[in-house]
PDB file of all heavy atoms in Angstrom:
ATOM      1  N   ALA A   1     -27.815  25.108-162.999  1.00  0.00           N
ATOM      2  CA  ALA A   1     -27.454  24.029-162.073  1.00  0.00           C
ATOM      3  C   ALA A   1     -26.862  24.627-160.807  1.00  0.00           C
ATOM      4  O   ALA A   1     -26.136  25.620-160.867  1.00  0.00           O
ATOM      5  CB  ALA A   1     -26.457  23.083-162.724  1.00  0.00           C
ATOM      6  N   VAL A   2     -27.168  23.994-159.672  1.00  0.00           N
ATOM      7  CA  VAL A   2     -26.709  24.527-158.389  1.00  0.00           C
ATOM      8  C   VAL A   2     -26.002  23.492-157.523  1.00  0.00           C
ATOM      9  O   VAL A   2     -25.442  23.842-156.482  1.00  0.00           O
ATOM     10  CB  VAL A   2     -27.884  25.128-157.592  1.00  0.00           C
ATOM     11  CG1 VAL A   2     -28.411  26.387-158.281  1.00  0.00           C
ATOM     12  CG2 VAL A   2     -29.015  24.114-157.399  1.00  0.00           C
ATOM     13  N   MET A   3     -26.013  22.232-157.936  1.00  0.00           N
ATOM     14  CA  MET A   3     -25.351  21.191-157.147  1.00  0.00           C
ATOM     15  C   MET A   3     -25.032  20.011-158.054  1.00  0.00           C
ATOM     16  O   MET A   3     -25.933  19.387-158.605  1.00  0.00           O
ATOM     17  CB  MET A   3     -26.241  20.720-155.992  1.00  0.00           C
ATOM     18  CG  MET A   3     -25.630  19.647-155.101  1.00  0.00           C
ATOM     19  SD  MET A   3     -26.824  19.129-153.824  1.00  0.00           S
ATOM     20  CE  MET A   3     -25.751  18.192-152.735  1.00  0.00           C
ATOM     21  N   MET A   4     -23.758  19.709-158.231  1.00  0.00           N
ATOM     22  CA  MET A   4     -23.376  18.550-159.036  1.00  0.00           C
ATOM     23  C   MET A   4     -23.583  17.283-158.220  1.00  0.00           C
ATOM     24  O   MET A   4     -23.143  17.199-157.069  1.00  0.00           O
ATOM     25  CB  MET A   4     -21.916  18.663-159.471  1.00  0.00           C
ATOM     26  CG  MET A   4     -21.462  17.570-160.412  1.00  0.00           C
ATOM     27  SD  MET A   4     -22.499  17.428-161.894  1.00  0.00           S
ATOM     28  CE  MET A   4     -22.345  19.080-162.584  1.00  0.00           C
ATOM     29  N   VAL A   5     -24.253  16.314-158.826  1.00  0.00           N
ATOM     30  CA  VAL A   5     -24.501  15.037-158.160  1.00  0.00           C
ATOM     31  C   VAL A   5     -23.674  13.926-158.798  1.00  0.00           C
ATOM     32  O   VAL A   5     -22.979  13.189-158.109  1.00  0.00           O
ATOM     33  CB  VAL A   5     -25.999  14.691-158.184  1.00  0.00           C
ATOM     34  CG1 VAL A   5     -26.240  13.320-157.538  1.00  0.00           C
ATOM     35  CG2 VAL A   5     -26.802  15.762-157.442  1.00  0.00           C
ATOM     36  N   TYR A   6     -23.735  13.819-160.131  1.00  0.00           N
ATOM     37  CA  TYR A   6     -22.942  12.803-160.830  1.00  0.00           C
ATOM     38  C   TYR A   6     -21.638  13.457-161.299  1.00  0.00           C
ATOM     39  O   TYR A   6     -21.548  13.980-162.407  1.00  0.00           O
ATOM     40  CB  TYR A   6     -23.696  12.232-162.017  1.00  0.00           C
ATOM     41  CG  TYR A   6     -24.929  11.441-161.651  1.00  0.00           C
ATOM     42  CD1 TYR A   6     -25.958  11.258-162.569  1.00  0.00           C
ATOM     43  CD2 TYR A   6     -25.080  10.855-160.394  1.00  0.00           C
ATOM     44  CE1 TYR A   6     -27.090  10.524-162.254  1.00  0.00           C
ATOM     45  CE2 TYR A   6     -26.197  10.137-160.063  1.00  0.00           C
ATOM     46  CZ  TYR A   6     -27.207   9.972-160.994  1.00  0.00           C
ATOM     47  OH  TYR A   6     -28.334   9.245-160.667  1.00  0.00           O
ATOM     48  N   ASP A   7     -20.633  13.404-160.421  1.00  0.00           N
ATOM     49  CA  ASP A   7     -19.330  13.978-160.755  1.00  0.00           C
ATOM     50  C   ASP A   7     -18.750  13.308-161.995  1.00  0.00           C
ATOM     51  O   ASP A   7     -18.081  13.951-162.807  1.00  0.00           O
ATOM     52  CB  ASP A   7     -18.383  13.822-159.565  1.00  0.00           C
ATOM     53  CG  ASP A   7     -17.013  14.421-159.812  1.00  0.00           C
ATOM     54  OD1 ASP A   7     -16.936  15.647-160.019  1.00  0.00           O
ATOM     55  OD2 ASP A   7     -16.024  13.660-159.819  1.00  0.00           O
ATOM     56  N   VAL A   8     -18.981  12.025-162.132  1.00  0.00           N
ATOM     57  CA  VAL A   8     -18.665  11.299-163.370  1.00  0.00           C
ATOM     58  C   VAL A   8     -19.996  10.943-164.014  1.00  0.00           C
ATOM     59  O   VAL A   8     -20.853  10.324-163.377  1.00  0.00           O
ATOM     60  CB  VAL A   8     -17.851  10.024-163.086  1.00  0.00           C
ATOM     61  CG1 VAL A   8     -17.828   9.122-164.315  1.00  0.00           C
ATOM     62  CG2 VAL A   8     -16.435  10.388-162.681  1.00  0.00           C
ATOM     63  N   PRO A   9     -20.201  11.332-165.260  1.00  0.00           N
ATOM     64  CA  PRO A   9     -21.496  11.057-165.883  1.00  0.00           C
ATOM     65  C   PRO A   9     -21.692   9.573-166.116  1.00  0.00           C
ATOM     66  O   PRO A   9     -20.739   8.850-166.426  1.00  0.00           O
ATOM     67  CB  PRO A   9     -21.420  11.820-167.214  1.00  0.00           C
ATOM     68  CG  PRO A   9     -19.957  11.893-167.517  1.00  0.00           C
ATOM     69  CD  PRO A   9     -19.272  12.010-166.199  1.00  0.00           C
ATOM     70  N   PRO A  10     -22.925   9.099-166.000  1.00  0.00           N
ATOM     71  CA  PRO A  10     -23.188   7.676-166.215  1.00  0.00           C
ATOM     72  C   PRO A  10     -23.361   7.297-167.675  1.00  0.00           C
ATOM     73  O   PRO A  10     -23.735   6.158-167.966  1.00  0.00           O
ATOM     74  CB  PRO A  10     -24.497   7.457-165.439  1.00  0.00           C
ATOM     75  CG  PRO A  10     -25.169   8.783-165.457  1.00  0.00           C
ATOM     76  CD  PRO A  10     -24.087   9.819-165.458  1.00  0.00           C
ATOM     77  N   PHE A  11     -23.047   8.226-168.590  1.00  0.00           N
ATOM     78  CA  PHE A  11     -23.217   7.947-170.023  1.00  0.00           C
ATOM     79  C   PHE A  11     -22.423   6.701-170.413  1.00  0.00           C
ATOM     80  O   PHE A  11     -21.215   6.631-170.201  1.00  0.00           O
ATOM     81  CB  PHE A  11     -22.734   9.112-170.877  1.00  0.00           C
ATOM     82  CG  PHE A  11     -23.311  10.446-170.494  1.00  0.00           C
ATOM     83  CD1 PHE A  11     -22.525  11.582-170.515  1.00  0.00           C
ATOM     84  CD2 PHE A  11     -24.642  10.573-170.109  1.00  0.00           C
ATOM     85  CE1 PHE A  11     -23.048  12.807-170.170  1.00  0.00           C
ATOM     86  CE2 PHE A  11     -25.168  11.797-169.758  1.00  0.00           C
ATOM     87  CZ  PHE A  11     -24.374  12.924-169.788  1.00  0.00           C
ATOM     88  N   SER A  12     -23.120   5.770-171.024  1.00  0.00           N
ATOM     89  CA  SER A  12     -22.494   4.496-171.371  1.00  0.00           C
ATOM     90  C   SER A  12     -23.140   3.915-172.619  1.00  0.00           C
ATOM     91  O   SER A  12     -24.245   4.296-173.010  1.00  0.00           O
ATOM     92  CB  SER A  12     -22.652   3.470-170.238  1.00  0.00           C
ATOM     93  OG  SER A  12     -22.088   3.927-169.030  1.00  0.00           O
ATOM     94  N   ILE A  13     -22.423   2.989-173.215  1.00  0.00           N
ATOM     95  CA  ILE A  13     -22.997   2.078-174.196  1.00  0.00           C
ATOM     96  C   ILE A  13     -22.913   0.689-173.584  1.00  0.00           C
ATOM     97  O   ILE A  13     -21.841   0.268-173.134  1.00  0.00           O
ATOM     98  CB  ILE A  13     -22.250   2.132-175.535  1.00  0.00           C
ATOM     99  CG1 ILE A  13     -22.440   3.502-176.182  1.00  0.00           C
ATOM    100  CG2 ILE A  13     -22.738   1.029-176.469  1.00  0.00           C
ATOM    101  CD1 ILE A  13     -21.601   3.719-177.413  1.00  0.00           C
ATOM    102  N   VAL A  14     -24.034   0.035-173.524  1.00  0.00           N
ATOM    103  CA  VAL A  14     -24.093  -1.320-172.970  1.00  0.00           C
ATOM    104  C   VAL A  14     -24.376  -2.273-174.119  1.00  0.00           C
ATOM    105  O   VAL A  14     -25.366  -2.122-174.847  1.00  0.00           O
ATOM    106  CB  VAL A  14     -25.170  -1.438-171.883  1.00  0.00           C
ATOM    107  CG1 VAL A  14     -25.288  -2.876-171.383  1.00  0.00           C
ATOM    108  CG2 VAL A  14     -24.834  -0.503-170.713  1.00  0.00           C
ATOM    109  N   GLY A  15     -23.478  -3.235-174.297  1.00  0.00           N
ATOM    110  CA  GLY A  15     -23.618  -4.180-175.403  1.00  0.00           C
ATOM    111  C   GLY A  15     -23.493  -5.613-174.939  1.00  0.00           C
ATOM    112  O   GLY A  15     -23.254  -5.887-173.763  1.00  0.00           O
ATOM    113  N   ARG A  16     -23.639  -6.513-175.875  1.00  0.00           N
ATOM    114  CA  ARG A  16     -23.523  -7.936-175.581  1.00  0.00           C
ATOM    115  C   ARG A  16     -22.334  -8.524-176.322  1.00  0.00           C
ATOM    116  O   ARG A  16     -22.166  -8.318-177.538  1.00  0.00           O
ATOM    117  CB  ARG A  16     -24.807  -8.662-175.977  1.00  0.00           C
ATOM    118  CG  ARG A  16     -26.015  -8.259-175.151  1.00  0.00           C
ATOM    119  CD  ARG A  16     -27.238  -9.063-175.545  1.00  0.00           C
ATOM    120  NE  ARG A  16     -27.017 -10.508-175.375  1.00  0.00           N
ATOM    121  CZ  ARG A  16     -27.884 -11.434-175.767  1.00  0.00           C
ATOM    122  NH1 ARG A  16     -29.019 -11.069-176.350  1.00  0.00           N
ATOM    123  NH2 ARG A  16     -27.617 -12.713-175.585  1.00  0.00           N
ATOM    124  N   VAL A  17     -21.538  -9.261-175.597  1.00  0.00           N
ATOM    125  CA  VAL A  17     -20.374  -9.926-176.188  1.00  0.00           C
ATOM    126  C   VAL A  17     -20.827 -10.877-177.289  1.00  0.00           C
ATOM    127  O   VAL A  17     -20.204 -10.964-178.357  1.00  0.00           O
ATOM    128  CB  VAL A  17     -19.577 -10.675-175.104  1.00  0.00           C
ATOM    129  CG1 VAL A  17     -18.424 -11.442-175.727  1.00  0.00           C
ATOM    130  CG2 VAL A  17     -19.063  -9.704-174.036  1.00  0.00           C
ATOM    131  N   SER A  18     -21.918 -11.582-177.041  1.00  0.00           N
ATOM    132  CA  SER A  18     -22.418 -12.541-178.028  1.00  0.00           C
ATOM    133  C   SER A  18     -22.932 -11.860-179.296  1.00  0.00           C
ATOM    134  O   SER A  18     -23.131 -12.516-180.323  1.00  0.00           O
ATOM    135  CB  SER A  18     -23.538 -13.390-177.422  1.00  0.00           C
ATOM    136  OG  SER A  18     -24.618 -12.576-177.007  1.00  0.00           O
ATOM    137  N   GLN A  19     -23.139 -10.559-179.226  1.00  0.00           N
ATOM    138  CA  GLN A  19     -23.547  -9.767-180.394  1.00  0.00           C
ATOM    139  C   GLN A  19     -22.344  -9.051-181.013  1.00  0.00           C
ATOM    140  O   GLN A  19     -22.510  -8.183-181.863  1.00  0.00           O
ATOM    141  CB  GLN A  19     -24.606  -8.749-180.002  1.00  0.00           C
ATOM    142  CG  GLN A  19     -25.939  -9.343-179.565  1.00  0.00           C
ATOM    143  CD  GLN A  19     -26.724  -9.923-180.719  1.00  0.00           C
ATOM    144  OE1 GLN A  19     -26.971 -11.116-180.786  1.00  0.00           O
ATOM    145  NE2 GLN A  19     -27.098  -9.086-181.669  1.00  0.00           N
ATOM    146  N   GLY A  20     -21.145  -9.396-180.540  1.00  0.00           N
ATOM    147  CA  GLY A  20     -19.931  -8.838-181.125  1.00  0.00           C
ATOM    148  C   GLY A  20     -19.422  -7.573-180.491  1.00  0.00           C
ATOM    149  O   GLY A  20     -18.491  -6.954-181.006  1.00  0.00           O
ATOM    150  N   ILE A  21     -19.980  -7.179-179.339  1.00  0.00           N
ATOM    151  CA  ILE A  21     -19.555  -5.941-178.685  1.00  0.00           C
ATOM    152  C   ILE A  21     -18.773  -6.272-177.417  1.00  0.00           C
ATOM    153  O   ILE A  21     -19.355  -6.572-176.371  1.00  0.00           O
ATOM    154  CB  ILE A  21     -20.754  -5.037-178.349  1.00  0.00           C
ATOM    155  CG1 ILE A  21     -21.618  -4.788-179.581  1.00  0.00           C
ATOM    156  CG2 ILE A  21     -20.264  -3.716-177.753  1.00  0.00           C
ATOM    157  CD1 ILE A  21     -20.917  -4.069-180.709  1.00  0.00           C
ATOM    158  N   SER A  22     -17.450  -6.236-177.529  1.00  0.00           N
ATOM    159  CA  SER A  22     -16.592  -6.457-176.366  1.00  0.00           C
ATOM    160  C   SER A  22     -15.926  -5.175-175.895  1.00  0.00           C
ATOM    161  O   SER A  22     -15.408  -5.109-174.786  1.00  0.00           O
ATOM    162  CB  SER A  22     -15.511  -7.496-176.691  1.00  0.00           C
ATOM    163  OG  SER A  22     -16.084  -8.757-176.970  1.00  0.00           O
ATOM    164  N   GLY A  23     -15.922  -4.159-176.730  1.00  0.00           N
ATOM    165  CA  GLY A  23     -15.292  -2.890-176.397  1.00  0.00           C
ATOM    166  C   GLY A  23     -15.652  -1.832-177.411  1.00  0.00           C
ATOM    167  O   GLY A  23     -16.411  -2.082-178.364  1.00  0.00           O
ATOM    168  N   ILE A  24     -15.092  -0.651-177.241  1.00  0.00           N
ATOM    169  CA  ILE A  24     -15.457   0.487-178.071  1.00  0.00           C
ATOM    170  C   ILE A  24     -15.106   0.268-179.547  1.00  0.00           C
ATOM    171  O   ILE A  24     -15.795   0.775-180.444  1.00  0.00           O
ATOM    172  CB  ILE A  24     -14.797   1.772-177.512  1.00  0.00           C
ATOM    173  CG1 ILE A  24     -15.421   3.003-178.168  1.00  0.00           C
ATOM    174  CG2 ILE A  24     -13.294   1.740-177.679  1.00  0.00           C
ATOM    175  CD1 ILE A  24     -15.020   4.302-177.489  1.00  0.00           C
ATOM    176  N   ASP A  25     -14.063  -0.501-179.803  1.00  0.00           N
ATOM    177  CA  ASP A  25     -13.650  -0.736-181.197  1.00  0.00           C
ATOM    178  C   ASP A  25     -14.633  -1.595-181.976  1.00  0.00           C
ATOM    179  O   ASP A  25     -14.532  -1.686-183.210  1.00  0.00           O
ATOM    180  CB  ASP A  25     -12.261  -1.387-181.229  1.00  0.00           C
ATOM    181  CG  ASP A  25     -11.172  -0.470-180.698  1.00  0.00           C
ATOM    182  OD1 ASP A  25     -11.369   0.757-180.754  1.00  0.00           O
ATOM    183  OD2 ASP A  25     -10.141  -0.989-180.235  1.00  0.00           O
ATOM    184  N   ASP A  26     -15.583  -2.210-181.285  1.00  0.00           N
ATOM    185  CA  ASP A  26     -16.533  -3.097-181.953  1.00  0.00           C
ATOM    186  C   ASP A  26     -17.810  -2.388-182.389  1.00  0.00           C
ATOM    187  O   ASP A  26     -18.691  -3.020-182.995  1.00  0.00           O
ATOM    188  CB  ASP A  26     -16.902  -4.261-181.023  1.00  0.00           C
ATOM    189  CG  ASP A  26     -15.700  -5.096-180.633  1.00  0.00           C
ATOM    190  OD1 ASP A  26     -14.858  -5.344-181.522  1.00  0.00           O
ATOM    191  OD2 ASP A  26     -15.599  -5.476-179.456  1.00  0.00           O
ATOM    192  N   LEU A  27     -17.921  -1.092-182.105  1.00  0.00           N
ATOM    193  CA  LEU A  27     -19.159  -0.386-182.426  1.00  0.00           C
ATOM    194  C   LEU A  27     -19.339  -0.190-183.931  1.00  0.00           C
ATOM    195  O   LEU A  27     -20.466  -0.222-184.433  1.00  0.00           O
ATOM    196  CB  LEU A  27     -19.194   0.962-181.712  1.00  0.00           C
ATOM    197  CG  LEU A  27     -19.260   0.909-180.180  1.00  0.00           C
ATOM    198  CD1 LEU A  27     -19.218   2.313-179.598  1.00  0.00           C
ATOM    199  CD2 LEU A  27     -20.520   0.180-179.725  1.00  0.00           C
ATOM    200  N   GLU A  28     -18.230   0.020-184.640  1.00  0.00           N
ATOM    201  CA  GLU A  28     -18.347   0.214-186.083  1.00  0.00           C
ATOM    202  C   GLU A  28     -18.922  -1.046-186.728  1.00  0.00           C
ATOM    203  O   GLU A  28     -18.512  -2.163-186.421  1.00  0.00           O
ATOM    204  CB  GLU A  28     -16.988   0.556-186.683  1.00  0.00           C
ATOM    205  CG  GLU A  28     -16.468   1.926-186.255  1.00  0.00           C
ATOM    206  CD  GLU A  28     -15.156   2.274-186.929  1.00  0.00           C
ATOM    207  OE1 GLU A  28     -14.612   1.433-187.666  1.00  0.00           O
ATOM    208  OE2 GLU A  28     -14.654   3.406-186.711  1.00  0.00           O
ATOM    209  N   GLY A  29     -19.911  -0.854-187.590  1.00  0.00           N
ATOM    210  CA  GLY A  29     -20.544  -1.968-188.266  1.00  0.00           C
ATOM    211  C   GLY A  29     -21.632  -2.646-187.467  1.00  0.00           C
ATOM    212  O   GLY A  29     -22.183  -3.662-187.913  1.00  0.00           O
ATOM    213  N   SER A  30     -21.976  -2.100-186.305  1.00  0.00           N
ATOM    214  CA  SER A  30     -22.976  -2.725-185.448  1.00  0.00           C
ATOM    215  C   SER A  30     -24.294  -1.957-185.501  1.00  0.00           C
ATOM    216  O   SER A  30     -24.407  -0.901-186.138  1.00  0.00           O
ATOM    217  CB  SER A  30     -22.466  -2.786-184.004  1.00  0.00           C
ATOM    218  OG  SER A  30     -22.408  -1.480-183.448  1.00  0.00           O
ATOM    219  N   ILE A  31     -25.293  -2.494-184.786  1.00  0.00           N
ATOM    220  CA  ILE A  31     -26.595  -1.839-184.655  1.00  0.00           C
ATOM    221  C   ILE A  31     -26.704  -1.288-183.234  1.00  0.00           C
ATOM    222  O   ILE A  31     -26.607  -2.038-182.262  1.00  0.00           O
ATOM    223  CB  ILE A  31     -27.746  -2.821-184.933  1.00  0.00           C
ATOM    224  CG1 ILE A  31     -27.617  -3.412-186.338  1.00  0.00           C
ATOM    225  CG2 ILE A  31     -29.098  -2.122-184.775  1.00  0.00           C
ATOM    226  CD1 ILE A  31     -28.648  -4.491-186.632  1.00  0.00           C
ATOM    227  N   LEU A  32     -26.891   0.007-183.135  1.00  0.00           N
ATOM    228  CA  LEU A  32     -26.949   0.693-181.841  1.00  0.00           C
ATOM    229  C   LEU A  32     -28.364   1.182-181.592  1.00  0.00           C
ATOM    230  O   LEU A  32     -28.915   1.961-182.374  1.00  0.00           O
ATOM    231  CB  LEU A  32     -25.978   1.885-181.833  1.00  0.00           C
ATOM    232  CG  LEU A  32     -26.007   2.807-180.609  1.00  0.00           C
ATOM    233  CD1 LEU A  32     -25.534   2.057-179.369  1.00  0.00           C
ATOM    234  CD2 LEU A  32     -25.147   4.045-180.855  1.00  0.00           C
ATOM    235  N   GLY A  33     -28.958   0.732-180.491  1.00  0.00           N
ATOM    236  CA  GLY A  33     -30.278   1.218-180.096  1.00  0.00           C
ATOM    237  C   GLY A  33     -30.133   2.462-179.238  1.00  0.00           C
ATOM    238  O   GLY A  33     -29.360   2.474-178.282  1.00  0.00           O
ATOM    239  N   ALA A  34     -30.903   3.504-179.578  1.00  0.00           N
ATOM    240  CA  ALA A  34     -30.761   4.773-178.855  1.00  0.00           C
ATOM    241  C   ALA A  34     -32.113   5.454-178.704  1.00  0.00           C
ATOM    242  O   ALA A  34     -32.743   5.805-179.704  1.00  0.00           O
ATOM    243  CB  ALA A  34     -29.792   5.692-179.587  1.00  0.00           C
TER     244      ALA A  34
END
């Protein structure tokens, strides 16, 4: 690598509140698409 572009990585989990995902604590017991 010779030039950093994303100083903060865009790595994320995007979920739906209506599917029970309001925050990181809700991931356990859920279905994660990857």
